[in-house]
Protein backbone atom coordinates (compact mmCIF):
# COMPACT_ATOMS: atom_id res chain seq x y z
CA MET A 1 0.00 0.00 0.00
CA THR A 2 1.38 3.40 -1.01
CA THR A 3 1.64 5.86 1.89
CA SER A 4 2.13 9.62 2.05
CA LYS A 5 5.79 9.02 3.01
CA ASP A 6 6.26 6.95 -0.14
CA ILE A 7 4.82 9.77 -2.24
CA LEU A 8 7.02 12.38 -0.52
CA ALA A 9 10.09 10.23 -1.18
CA GLY A 10 9.14 9.92 -4.85
CA LEU A 11 8.66 13.70 -5.17
CA ALA A 12 11.99 14.34 -3.45
CA LEU A 13 13.70 12.06 -5.96
CA LYS A 14 11.95 13.84 -8.82
CA HIS A 15 13.31 17.18 -7.53
CA ASP A 16 16.77 15.95 -6.50
CA LYS A 17 18.36 18.88 -8.37
CA ASP A 18 15.84 21.47 -7.16
CA LEU A 19 14.90 23.07 -3.84
CA PHE A 20 12.33 20.69 -2.35
CA VAL A 21 10.55 21.46 0.93
CA PRO A 22 8.07 18.99 2.47
CA GLU A 23 5.38 20.48 4.77
CA CYS A 24 6.14 23.98 3.53
CA LYS A 25 4.35 26.91 5.18
CA THR A 26 3.46 30.23 3.59
CA GLY A 27 4.47 32.33 6.61
CA PRO A 28 5.46 32.30 10.28
CA THR A 29 4.11 29.49 12.41
CA VAL A 30 2.65 31.77 15.09
CA CYS A 31 0.90 35.11 15.24
CA THR A 32 -0.15 35.14 11.58
CA ARG A 33 -2.55 33.25 9.35
CA HIS A 34 -0.69 30.86 7.08
CA PHE A 35 -1.19 27.78 4.92
CA ARG A 36 0.73 24.54 4.93
CA MET A 37 1.48 22.88 1.59
CA ASP A 38 2.26 19.14 1.61
CA ALA A 39 5.31 19.87 -0.55
CA TRP A 40 6.74 22.83 -2.43
CA ALA A 41 9.55 22.86 -4.99
CA MET A 42 11.55 25.57 -6.74
CA LYS A 43 13.50 24.96 -9.90
CA LYS A 44 17.08 26.19 -9.48
CA SER A 45 17.30 28.79 -12.22
CA TRP A 46 18.11 32.50 -11.86
CA ALA A 47 16.54 33.35 -15.20
CA HIS A 48 13.45 31.12 -15.13
CA PRO A 49 12.65 29.80 -11.67
CA GLU A 50 9.47 27.77 -11.44
CA TYR A 51 7.46 27.00 -8.32
CA THR A 52 5.36 23.87 -7.90
CA CYS A 53 2.95 22.96 -5.11
CA TYR A 54 1.90 19.39 -4.28
CA GLU A 55 -1.20 18.18 -2.44
CA ILE A 56 -0.85 14.54 -1.36
CA LYS A 57 -3.99 12.42 -1.13
CA VAL A 58 -4.04 8.80 0.04
CA SER A 59 -7.82 8.49 0.37
CA LYS A 60 -10.68 9.40 -1.93
CA GLY A 61 -12.60 11.04 0.90
CA ASP A 62 -9.75 13.45 1.67
CA PHE A 63 -9.60 14.48 -1.97
CA VAL A 64 -13.35 15.03 -2.30
CA SER A 65 -13.59 17.08 0.88
CA ASP A 66 -10.53 19.26 0.16
CA SER A 67 -11.55 22.87 -0.36
CA LYS A 68 -8.36 24.64 0.72
CA TRP A 69 -6.17 23.81 -2.28
CA THR A 70 -7.08 27.07 -4.03
CA ASN A 71 -5.36 28.96 -1.21
CA TYR A 72 -2.02 27.60 -2.46
CA LEU A 73 -2.35 28.95 -6.02
CA PRO A 74 -0.72 32.36 -5.30
CA TYR A 75 2.46 30.55 -4.20
CA CYS A 76 3.06 28.34 -7.23
CA ASN A 77 3.11 28.34 -11.01
CA ARG A 78 1.74 24.77 -11.07
CA LEU A 79 -0.29 22.74 -8.59
CA TYR A 80 -0.62 18.96 -8.60
CA PHE A 81 -2.66 16.46 -6.66
CA VAL A 82 -0.50 13.38 -6.03
CA CYS A 83 -2.05 10.06 -5.05
CA PRO A 84 -1.52 6.30 -5.31
CA ALA A 85 -2.07 5.02 -8.85
CA LYS A 86 -5.74 4.94 -9.93
CA LEU A 87 -7.06 6.43 -6.68
CA ILE A 88 -8.10 9.63 -8.48
CA SER A 89 -9.05 9.75 -12.16
CA VAL A 90 -8.18 12.57 -14.55
CA ASP A 91 -11.84 13.55 -14.95
CA GLU A 92 -12.15 14.20 -11.21
CA VAL A 93 -9.35 16.78 -11.08
CA PRO A 94 -10.63 20.39 -11.00
CA ASP A 95 -9.55 22.98 -13.54
CA GLY A 96 -6.34 24.77 -12.66
CA ALA A 97 -4.77 21.67 -11.09
CA GLY A 98 -2.90 18.66 -12.41
CA LEU A 99 -2.67 15.02 -11.36
CA MET A 100 0.24 12.72 -10.58
CA TRP A 101 0.16 9.03 -9.71
CA CYS A 102 2.64 7.21 -7.50
CA THR A 103 3.47 3.57 -8.22
CA THR A 104 4.04 0.89 -5.59
CA THR A 105 7.79 1.31 -6.22
CA GLY A 106 7.65 5.02 -5.29
CA LYS A 107 7.93 6.51 -8.78
CA VAL A 108 5.69 9.52 -9.51
CA TYR A 109 4.56 10.45 -12.99
CA VAL A 110 2.14 12.96 -14.54
CA LYS A 111 -1.36 11.84 -15.54
CA LYS A 112 -2.73 15.33 -16.19
CA ARG A 113 -0.40 18.28 -16.77
CA THR A 114 -1.46 21.52 -15.15
CA PRO A 115 -1.11 24.77 -17.15
CA TYR A 116 1.61 27.24 -16.20
CA ARG A 117 0.34 30.33 -14.39
CA ASP A 118 2.12 33.61 -13.81
CA ILE A 119 2.12 34.73 -10.19
CA ASP A 120 3.18 37.76 -8.18
CA ASP A 121 6.70 37.02 -6.95
CA ASN A 122 6.12 39.32 -3.95
CA LYS A 123 3.72 36.70 -2.62
CA LEU A 124 6.69 34.35 -2.21
CA ASN A 125 8.63 36.59 0.18
CA ASP A 126 7.05 35.03 3.25
CA VAL A 127 7.67 31.55 1.86
CA PHE A 128 11.35 32.34 1.31
CA LYS A 129 11.65 33.81 4.82
CA TYR A 130 10.05 30.72 6.35
CA ILE A 131 12.41 28.41 4.47
CA LEU A 132 15.51 30.47 5.35
CA MET A 133 14.68 30.91 9.03
CA SER A 134 12.98 27.59 9.83
CA ARG A 135 14.13 24.97 7.35
CA THR A 136 17.63 25.90 6.18
CA ALA A 137 21.12 25.35 7.60
CA ILE A 138 23.67 27.69 6.06
CA GLY A 139 26.74 25.89 4.77
CA ASN A 140 29.67 26.19 2.38
CA GLU A 141 28.85 27.50 -1.10
CA HIS A 142 30.14 24.25 -2.62
CA GLN A 143 28.29 22.05 -0.14
CA SER A 144 25.41 21.47 -2.53
CA ASP A 145 27.89 20.53 -5.26
CA ASN A 146 29.49 17.97 -2.92
CA LEU A 147 26.09 16.61 -2.01
CA GLN A 148 25.23 16.25 -5.68
CA PHE A 149 28.59 14.58 -6.28
CA TRP A 150 27.85 11.89 -3.70
CA ARG A 151 24.33 11.45 -5.04
CA ASN A 152 25.73 10.94 -8.52
CA TRP A 153 28.33 8.57 -7.10
CA LEU A 154 25.64 6.44 -5.47
CA VAL A 155 23.61 6.38 -8.69
CA GLU A 156 26.69 5.43 -10.72
CA LYS A 157 27.57 2.72 -8.20
CA LYS A 158 24.08 1.27 -8.52
CA ILE A 159 24.37 1.36 -12.32
CA ASN A 160 27.77 -0.35 -12.18
CA TYR A 161 26.39 -3.01 -9.86
CA SER A 162 23.50 -3.64 -12.24
CA LEU A 163 25.91 -3.71 -15.20
CA GLY A 164 28.19 -6.18 -13.39
CA TYR A 165 25.26 -8.45 -12.68
CA GLN A 166 24.16 -8.33 -16.32
CA VAL A 167 27.71 -9.06 -17.55
CA SER A 168 28.04 -11.93 -15.07
CA LYS A 169 24.72 -13.35 -16.20
CA ALA A 170 25.77 -13.06 -19.86
CA LEU A 171 29.12 -14.78 -19.18
CA ARG A 172 27.41 -17.56 -17.24
CA HIS A 173 25.03 -18.09 -20.15
CA LYS A 174 27.93 -18.10 -22.63
CA ILE A 175 29.88 -20.66 -20.56
CA GLU A 176 26.86 -22.91 -20.20
CA THR A 177 26.25 -22.68 -23.95
CA GLU A 178 29.87 -23.57 -24.74
CA ILE A 179 29.75 -26.52 -22.33
CA LEU A 180 26.65 -27.86 -24.07
CA ASP A 181 28.31 -27.31 -27.44
CA VAL A 182 31.41 -29.29 -26.37
CA LYS A 183 29.17 -32.02 -25.00
CA HIS A 184 27.32 -32.30 -28.31
CA LYS A 185 30.58 -32.37 -30.26
CA ASN A 186 31.90 -35.11 -27.97
CA GLU A 187 28.75 -37.15 -28.55
CA ASN A 188 29.15 -36.69 -32.32
CA LEU A 189 32.79 -37.83 -32.12
CA GLU A 190 31.81 -40.91 -30.15
CA ALA A 191 29.15 -41.72 -32.74
CA LYS A 192 31.71 -41.35 -35.54
CA MET A 193 34.19 -43.58 -33.68
CA SER A 194 31.47 -46.21 -33.30
CA SER A 195 30.75 -46.00 -37.05
CA LEU A 196 34.43 -46.34 -37.88
CA GLN A 197 34.68 -49.38 -35.62
CA GLN A 198 31.73 -50.94 -37.40
CA MET A 199 33.36 -50.19 -40.75
CA LYS A 200 36.60 -51.75 -39.55
CA ASP A 201 34.76 -54.90 -38.47
CA PHE A 202 32.99 -55.00 -41.82
CA LEU A 203 36.27 -54.74 -43.78
CA ILE A 204 37.89 -57.49 -41.72
CA ALA A 205 34.86 -59.70 -42.27
CA THR A 206 35.00 -59.20 -46.05
CA PHE A 207 38.71 -59.87 -46.61
CA GLY A 208 38.01 -63.44 -47.64
CA CYS A 209 35.16 -62.55 -50.04
CA GLY A 210 37.11 -61.16 -53.00
CA TYR A 211 37.53 -57.57 -51.79
CA MET A 212 41.16 -57.88 -50.68
CA GLU A 213 42.76 -56.56 -53.83
CA GLU A 214 40.37 -53.63 -54.10
CA ILE A 215 40.95 -52.57 -50.49
CA ARG A 216 44.71 -52.94 -50.82
CA GLY A 217 44.68 -50.87 -54.02
CA ARG A 218 42.82 -48.04 -52.34
CA ILE A 219 45.15 -48.07 -49.34
CA GLU A 220 48.23 -47.97 -51.59
CA ALA A 221 46.71 -45.02 -53.43
CA LEU A 222 46.35 -43.22 -50.10
CA ILE A 223 49.95 -44.06 -49.15
CA ASN A 224 51.15 -42.30 -52.31
CA GLY A 225 49.31 -39.16 -51.15
CA GLU A 226 50.33 -36.67 -48.46
CA ALA A 227 47.91 -37.35 -45.61
CA GLY A 228 48.10 -39.93 -42.84
CA VAL A 229 51.03 -41.99 -44.18
CA GLU A 230 52.03 -43.57 -40.88
CA ILE A 231 48.46 -44.43 -39.96
CA ILE A 232 47.77 -45.90 -43.40
CA LYS A 233 50.91 -48.08 -43.19
CA ALA A 234 49.69 -49.39 -39.86
CA VAL A 235 46.37 -50.21 -41.49
CA CYS A 236 48.24 -52.09 -44.25
CA ASP A 237 50.02 -54.16 -41.60
CA MET A 238 46.66 -54.99 -40.11
CA VAL A 239 45.43 -56.02 -43.57
CA ASP A 240 48.42 -58.37 -44.00
CA GLU A 241 47.76 -59.94 -40.63
CA ALA A 242 44.10 -60.34 -41.46
CA GLN A 243 45.01 -61.96 -44.81
CA GLU A 244 47.32 -64.41 -43.09
CA LEU A 245 44.57 -65.23 -40.61
CA THR A 246 42.12 -65.72 -43.47
CA TYR A 247 44.57 -68.10 -45.17
CA LYS A 248 44.90 -70.19 -42.01
CA ILE A 249 41.13 -70.34 -41.58
CA SER A 250 40.74 -71.49 -45.18
CA LYS A 251 43.37 -74.13 -44.64
CA ILE A 252 41.56 -75.49 -41.59
CA ARG A 253 38.30 -75.54 -43.53
CA ARG A 254 39.92 -77.62 -46.31
CA MET A 255 41.30 -80.01 -43.75
CA LEU A 256 37.91 -80.49 -42.14
CA SER A 257 36.26 -81.01 -45.50
CA LYS A 258 38.85 -83.61 -46.52
CA ARG A 259 38.42 -85.39 -43.22
CA GLN A 260 34.69 -85.70 -43.69
CA SER A 261 35.02 -86.99 -47.26
CA MET A 262 37.68 -89.60 -46.44
CA LYS A 263 36.16 -90.50 -43.07
CA VAL A 264 39.55 -90.37 -41.46
CA HIS A 265 39.56 -90.98 -37.73
CA ASN A 266 43.12 -89.78 -37.01
CA PRO A 267 43.45 -85.98 -37.59
CA ASP A 268 47.29 -86.19 -37.36
CA ASP A 269 47.39 -88.24 -40.60
CA VAL A 270 45.33 -85.56 -42.35
CA LEU A 271 47.61 -82.80 -41.14
CA ALA A 272 50.71 -84.71 -42.27
CA GLU A 273 49.25 -85.45 -45.67
CA ASP A 274 48.18 -81.85 -46.13
CA ASP A 275 51.68 -80.64 -45.18
CA ASP A 276 53.21 -83.01 -47.82
CA SER A 277 50.92 -81.66 -50.50
CA GLU A 278 51.97 -78.12 -49.64
């Protein structure tokens, strides 16, 4: 729920470079008739100063029953009613006044702009006297500049903090993305290695089926090239070993076939006979 303190804080932030006076009176507190404005601001400009009065309303009943706001008009060029968002509608604001809404985060913004009115500057003398004598502490001429410096420093620090968080978040996202990319590439490499292993098994299985010469010819063609010579030679050695193994398997098959046809019961005789034929 937005309170009057929240609205005052939002107005003070809006006028951080101006003279801003909450609970500003139009004259001395005692012995004279005076009015009390919820907030009053003066734009810091020697050539074109501008004075704004604010009436804060946090309930609809207070706004409807307010009949004193016209008494503040001689002391300001613009007058605004300021309330929580949507409490007062634009159509309800009387002529000669404007409307501002305050969000739940404390930001105030204009819903209806009030027209600029010329006023008699002499009417402001009592306001200036009240501010000087009751609300002001005299300090060094550069004090306001130092105060503004530290305000700017705090704002810049907040911006840098927000920027650091955004950069950190972006870097974290980039790192996570690169990790996922490496993971996908690793999975692709493993799939390729599995395919190559299957191809290797297929080539070994087909050495005895008439493809030996074709495979050897392709490997020799690669050896004559520039890429992967050492690896290709190693593959050729594997091919020779596989061919020798294929020859031995074929030899055993012939022996078994001969044994079945001759119905020989002593396998040593078959081996000896086969060695003699070789």
